[in-house]
């Protein structure tokens, strides 16, 4: 009994230690994801994507607004995990190859471009799935490209905001 109690106390102590731990590892995709949760980015993204969705699927204002909010909501929730993971995957390969050869660190132009394209693609895939499966919208290459363009505007705004007002942890 004493042994199991000691193990339980050790587990609790280790859990509490991790609460005060801070990560000191960052990469561009993580910066993008953190900024995507800013209230003004969310508002801008919804306003920017609304006309694309309305036009792509020929919807009323109310239906386009609802579909945009639902798709972007799910995209934001899943993006919290998927965008940083995609960024880590990029850092492992192929970024590790060119960064070593060029003597570059993580925050370089190629990695920023890749992070933006990964974020746009992830958001597009999630939102397209919502539009196609939850709303039963017809989807062709045209609609895919319009949703991709809408997400490029949203993620582009996030990137520009990082240039104008850099992230300060």
C-alpha atoms as a PDB file:
ATOM      1  CA  UNK A   1       0.000   0.000   0.000  1.00  0.00           C
ATOM      2  CA  UNK A   2       2.830   2.413   0.814  1.00  0.00           C
ATOM      3  CA  UNK A   3       4.442   1.695  -2.538  1.00  0.00           C
ATOM      4  CA  UNK A   4       1.257   2.474  -4.506  1.00  0.00           C
ATOM      5  CA  UNK A   5       0.723   5.656  -2.474  1.00  0.00           C
ATOM      6  CA  UNK A   6       4.298   6.765  -3.212  1.00  0.00           C
ATOM      7  CA  UNK A   7       3.767   6.060  -6.893  1.00  0.00           C
ATOM      8  CA  UNK A   8       0.553   8.075  -6.851  1.00  0.00           C
ATOM      9  CA  UNK A   9       2.291  11.001  -5.114  1.00  0.00           C
ATOM     10  CA  UNK A  10       5.138  10.833  -7.630  1.00  0.00           C
ATOM     11  CA  UNK A  11       2.653  10.876 -10.519  1.00  0.00           C
ATOM     12  CA  UNK A  12       0.866  13.911  -9.060  1.00  0.00           C
ATOM     13  CA  UNK A  13       4.181  15.705  -8.452  1.00  0.00           C
ATOM     14  CA  UNK A  14       5.339  15.048 -12.002  1.00  0.00           C
ATOM     15  CA  UNK A  15       1.997  16.274 -13.339  1.00  0.00           C
ATOM     16  CA  UNK A  16       2.307  19.503 -11.393  1.00  0.00           C
ATOM     17  CA  UNK A  17       5.846  20.021 -12.643  1.00  0.00           C
ATOM     18  CA  UNK A  18       4.650  19.906 -16.222  1.00  0.00           C
ATOM     19  CA  UNK A  19       2.084  22.623 -15.500  1.00  0.00           C
ATOM     20  CA  UNK A  20       4.851  25.145 -14.909  1.00  0.00           C
ATOM     21  CA  UNK A  21       6.987  24.002 -17.836  1.00  0.00           C
ATOM     22  CA  UNK A  22       7.342  26.359 -20.784  1.00  0.00           C
ATOM     23  CA  UNK A  23       8.144  25.318 -24.329  1.00  0.00           C
ATOM     24  CA  UNK A  24      11.072  27.143 -25.829  1.00  0.00           C
ATOM     25  CA  UNK A  25      10.674  25.672 -29.285  1.00  0.00           C
ATOM     26  CA  UNK A  26       8.814  27.625 -31.952  1.00  0.00           C
ATOM     27  CA  UNK A  27       8.355  27.449 -35.695  1.00  0.00           C
ATOM     28  CA  UNK A  28       6.438  29.583 -38.214  1.00  0.00           C
ATOM     29  CA  UNK A  29       3.350  27.351 -38.370  1.00  0.00           C
ATOM     30  CA  UNK A  30       2.926  27.728 -34.613  1.00  0.00           C
ATOM     31  CA  UNK A  31       3.032  31.534 -34.914  1.00  0.00           C
ATOM     32  CA  UNK A  32       0.384  31.382 -37.650  1.00  0.00           C
ATOM     33  CA  UNK A  33      -1.877  29.189 -35.546  1.00  0.00           C
ATOM     34  CA  UNK A  34      -1.583  31.359 -32.443  1.00  0.00           C
ATOM     35  CA  UNK A  35      -2.429  34.515 -34.406  1.00  0.00           C
ATOM     36  CA  UNK A  36      -5.392  32.853 -36.138  1.00  0.00           C
ATOM     37  CA  UNK A  37      -7.188  32.920 -32.781  1.00  0.00           C
ATOM     38  CA  UNK A  38      -7.080  36.734 -32.516  1.00  0.00           C
ATOM     39  CA  UNK A  39     -10.612  38.167 -32.431  1.00  0.00           C
ATOM     40  CA  UNK A  40      -9.976  40.522 -35.346  1.00  0.00           C
ATOM     41  CA  UNK A  41      -8.434  37.756 -37.480  1.00  0.00           C
ATOM     42  CA  UNK A  42     -11.501  35.587 -36.882  1.00  0.00           C
ATOM     43  CA  UNK A  43     -13.796  38.474 -37.847  1.00  0.00           C
ATOM     44  CA  UNK A  44     -11.733  39.392 -40.898  1.00  0.00           C
ATOM     45  CA  UNK A  45     -11.524  35.758 -41.997  1.00  0.00           C
ATOM     46  CA  UNK A  46     -15.283  35.274 -41.798  1.00  0.00           C
ATOM     47  CA  UNK A  47     -15.951  38.511 -43.686  1.00  0.00           C
ATOM     48  CA  UNK A  48     -13.330  37.678 -46.317  1.00  0.00           C
ATOM     49  CA  UNK A  49     -14.516  34.120 -46.870  1.00  0.00           C
ATOM     50  CA  UNK A  50     -18.245  34.887 -46.867  1.00  0.00           C
ATOM     51  CA  UNK A  51     -18.402  36.258 -50.464  1.00  0.00           C
ATOM     52  CA  UNK A  52     -16.334  33.343 -51.777  1.00  0.00           C
ATOM     53  CA  UNK A  53     -18.712  30.824 -50.191  1.00  0.00           C
ATOM     54  CA  UNK A  54     -21.795  32.762 -51.338  1.00  0.00           C
ATOM     55  CA  UNK A  55     -20.486  32.880 -54.905  1.00  0.00           C
ATOM     56  CA  UNK A  56     -19.061  29.340 -55.023  1.00  0.00           C
ATOM     57  CA  UNK A  57     -22.271  27.632 -53.903  1.00  0.00           C
ATOM     58  CA  UNK A  58     -24.854  30.255 -55.011  1.00  0.00           C
ATOM     59  CA  UNK A  59     -26.339  30.767 -51.549  1.00  0.00           C
ATOM     60  CA  UNK A  60     -28.501  33.307 -49.787  1.00  0.00           C
ATOM     61  CA  UNK A  61     -26.718  35.645 -47.398  1.00  0.00           C
ATOM     62  CA  UNK A  62     -28.055  33.799 -44.352  1.00  0.00           C
ATOM     63  CA  UNK A  63     -27.098  30.339 -45.625  1.00  0.00           C
ATOM     64  CA  UNK A  64     -23.650  31.535 -46.756  1.00  0.00           C
ATOM     65  CA  UNK A  65     -23.015  33.165 -43.372  1.00  0.00           C
ATOM     66  CA  UNK A  66     -24.079  30.038 -41.483  1.00  0.00           C
ATOM     67  CA  UNK A  67     -22.017  27.709 -43.687  1.00  0.00           C
ATOM     68  CA  UNK A  68     -18.970  29.996 -43.414  1.00  0.00           C
ATOM     69  CA  UNK A  69     -19.211  30.147 -39.611  1.00  0.00           C
ATOM     70  CA  UNK A  70     -19.641  26.379 -39.219  1.00  0.00           C
ATOM     71  CA  UNK A  71     -16.851  25.464 -41.654  1.00  0.00           C
ATOM     72  CA  UNK A  72     -14.441  27.999 -40.185  1.00  0.00           C
ATOM     73  CA  UNK A  73     -15.315  26.950 -36.646  1.00  0.00           C
ATOM     74  CA  UNK A  74     -14.402  23.338 -37.321  1.00  0.00           C
ATOM     75  CA  UNK A  75     -11.370  24.427 -39.334  1.00  0.00           C
ATOM     76  CA  UNK A  76     -10.159  26.559 -36.414  1.00  0.00           C
ATOM     77  CA  UNK A  77     -10.648  23.783 -33.868  1.00  0.00           C
ATOM     78  CA  UNK A  78      -8.868  21.140 -35.950  1.00  0.00           C
ATOM     79  CA  UNK A  79      -6.256  23.657 -37.078  1.00  0.00           C
ATOM     80  CA  UNK A  80      -5.065  24.077 -33.491  1.00  0.00           C
ATOM     81  CA  UNK A  81      -3.509  20.630 -33.809  1.00  0.00           C
ATOM     82  CA  UNK A  82      -3.124  20.081 -37.554  1.00  0.00           C
ATOM     83  CA  UNK A  83      -1.320  23.294 -38.535  1.00  0.00           C
ATOM     84  CA  UNK A  84       1.444  23.054 -35.906  1.00  0.00           C
ATOM     85  CA  UNK A  85       1.838  19.322 -36.666  1.00  0.00           C
ATOM     86  CA  UNK A  86       2.181  20.072 -40.366  1.00  0.00           C
ATOM     87  CA  UNK A  87       4.795  22.680 -39.465  1.00  0.00           C
ATOM     88  CA  UNK A  88       6.749  20.168 -37.393  1.00  0.00           C
ATOM     89  CA  UNK A  89       6.567  17.644 -40.223  1.00  0.00           C
ATOM     90  CA  UNK A  90       7.907  20.308 -42.585  1.00  0.00           C
ATOM     91  CA  UNK A  91      10.758  21.104 -40.188  1.00  0.00           C
ATOM     92  CA  UNK A  92      11.768  17.440 -40.031  1.00  0.00           C
ATOM     93  CA  UNK A  93      11.650  16.974 -43.792  1.00  0.00           C
ATOM     94  CA  UNK A  94      12.287  18.669 -46.207  1.00  0.00           C
ATOM     95  CA  UNK A  95      13.312  21.813 -44.297  1.00  0.00           C
ATOM     96  CA  UNK A  96      16.104  20.054 -42.435  1.00  0.00           C
ATOM     97  CA  UNK A  97      17.822  19.391 -45.762  1.00  0.00           C
ATOM     98  CA  UNK A  98      17.897  22.905 -47.174  1.00  0.00           C
ATOM     99  CA  UNK A  99      18.322  24.671 -43.820  1.00  0.00           C
ATOM    100  CA  UNK A 100      21.520  22.751 -43.140  1.00  0.00           C
ATOM    101  CA  UNK A 101      22.834  23.335 -46.660  1.00  0.00           C
ATOM    102  CA  UNK A 102      22.025  27.078 -46.574  1.00  0.00           C
ATOM    103  CA  UNK A 103      22.942  27.561 -42.895  1.00  0.00           C
ATOM    104  CA  UNK A 104      19.477  28.934 -42.185  1.00  0.00           C
ATOM    105  CA  UNK A 105      17.418  28.760 -39.036  1.00  0.00           C
ATOM    106  CA  UNK A 106      13.749  27.875 -38.736  1.00  0.00           C
ATOM    107  CA  UNK A 107      12.397  31.338 -39.585  1.00  0.00           C
ATOM    108  CA  UNK A 108      13.454  31.566 -43.216  1.00  0.00           C
ATOM    109  CA  UNK A 109      11.518  32.581 -46.344  1.00  0.00           C
ATOM    110  CA  UNK A 110      11.014  29.048 -47.649  1.00  0.00           C
ATOM    111  CA  UNK A 111       9.647  27.776 -44.349  1.00  0.00           C
ATOM    112  CA  UNK A 112       7.311  30.771 -44.027  1.00  0.00           C
ATOM    113  CA  UNK A 113       5.934  30.176 -47.530  1.00  0.00           C
ATOM    114  CA  UNK A 114       5.528  26.455 -46.806  1.00  0.00           C
ATOM    115  CA  UNK A 115       3.799  27.195 -43.482  1.00  0.00           C
ATOM    116  CA  UNK A 116       1.349  29.539 -45.181  1.00  0.00           C
ATOM    117  CA  UNK A 117       0.600  27.029 -47.941  1.00  0.00           C
ATOM    118  CA  UNK A 118       0.185  24.224 -45.403  1.00  0.00           C
ATOM    119  CA  UNK A 119      -2.221  26.324 -43.308  1.00  0.00           C
ATOM    120  CA  UNK A 120      -4.243  27.308 -46.386  1.00  0.00           C
ATOM    121  CA  UNK A 121      -4.394  23.702 -47.569  1.00  0.00           C
ATOM    122  CA  UNK A 122      -5.389  22.303 -44.166  1.00  0.00           C
ATOM    123  CA  UNK A 123      -8.112  24.932 -43.734  1.00  0.00           C
ATOM    124  CA  UNK A 124      -9.341  24.272 -47.267  1.00  0.00           C
ATOM    125  CA  UNK A 125      -9.510  20.498 -46.821  1.00  0.00           C
ATOM    126  CA  UNK A 126     -11.420  20.792 -43.534  1.00  0.00           C
ATOM    127  CA  UNK A 127     -13.820  23.455 -44.823  1.00  0.00           C
ATOM    128  CA  UNK A 128     -14.382  21.625 -48.104  1.00  0.00           C
ATOM    129  CA  UNK A 129     -15.282  18.490 -46.153  1.00  0.00           C
ATOM    130  CA  UNK A 130     -17.777  20.476 -44.079  1.00  0.00           C
ATOM    131  CA  UNK A 131     -19.347  22.070 -47.156  1.00  0.00           C
ATOM    132  CA  UNK A 132     -19.523  18.769 -49.002  1.00  0.00           C
ATOM    133  CA  UNK A 133     -20.624  16.430 -46.211  1.00  0.00           C
ATOM    134  CA  UNK A 134     -22.460  18.573 -43.657  1.00  0.00           C
ATOM    135  CA  UNK A 135     -24.152  20.949 -46.098  1.00  0.00           C
ATOM    136  CA  UNK A 136     -24.284  18.596 -49.110  1.00  0.00           C
ATOM    137  CA  UNK A 137     -22.977  21.292 -51.461  1.00  0.00           C
ATOM    138  CA  UNK A 138     -21.899  20.154 -54.908  1.00  0.00           C
ATOM    139  CA  UNK A 139     -18.124  20.285 -55.169  1.00  0.00           C
ATOM    140  CA  UNK A 140     -15.999  20.522 -58.279  1.00  0.00           C
ATOM    141  CA  UNK A 141     -12.591  21.953 -59.031  1.00  0.00           C
ATOM    142  CA  UNK A 142     -14.099  25.445 -59.301  1.00  0.00           C
ATOM    143  CA  UNK A 143     -15.529  25.351 -55.769  1.00  0.00           C
ATOM    144  CA  UNK A 144     -12.309  23.849 -54.421  1.00  0.00           C
ATOM    145  CA  UNK A 145     -10.294  26.716 -55.937  1.00  0.00           C
ATOM    146  CA  UNK A 146     -12.688  29.336 -54.559  1.00  0.00           C
ATOM    147  CA  UNK A 147     -12.486  27.880 -51.041  1.00  0.00           C
ATOM    148  CA  UNK A 148      -8.692  27.699 -51.412  1.00  0.00           C
ATOM    149  CA  UNK A 149      -8.592  31.357 -52.526  1.00  0.00           C
ATOM    150  CA  UNK A 150     -10.785  32.377 -49.590  1.00  0.00           C
ATOM    151  CA  UNK A 151      -8.443  30.634 -47.181  1.00  0.00           C
ATOM    152  CA  UNK A 152      -5.428  32.192 -48.887  1.00  0.00           C
ATOM    153  CA  UNK A 153      -6.920  35.620 -48.134  1.00  0.00           C
ATOM    154  CA  UNK A 154      -7.546  34.675 -44.481  1.00  0.00           C
ATOM    155  CA  UNK A 155      -4.141  33.104 -43.839  1.00  0.00           C
ATOM    156  CA  UNK A 156      -2.458  35.860 -45.858  1.00  0.00           C
ATOM    157  CA  UNK A 157      -3.992  38.382 -43.471  1.00  0.00           C
ATOM    158  CA  UNK A 158      -2.590  36.420 -40.530  1.00  0.00           C
ATOM    159  CA  UNK A 159       0.891  36.499 -42.059  1.00  0.00           C
ATOM    160  CA  UNK A 160       0.694  40.216 -42.843  1.00  0.00           C
ATOM    161  CA  UNK A 161      -0.449  40.873 -39.281  1.00  0.00           C
ATOM    162  CA  UNK A 162       2.685  39.110 -38.026  1.00  0.00           C
ATOM    163  CA  UNK A 163       4.796  41.451 -40.147  1.00  0.00           C
ATOM    164  CA  UNK A 164       2.973  44.546 -38.903  1.00  0.00           C
ATOM    165  CA  UNK A 165       2.587  43.491 -35.248  1.00  0.00           C
ATOM    166  CA  UNK A 166       5.098  40.712 -34.481  1.00  0.00           C
ATOM    167  CA  UNK A 167       4.092  38.033 -32.009  1.00  0.00           C
ATOM    168  CA  UNK A 168       5.539  38.589 -28.544  1.00  0.00           C
ATOM    169  CA  UNK A 169       5.210  35.551 -26.288  1.00  0.00           C
END
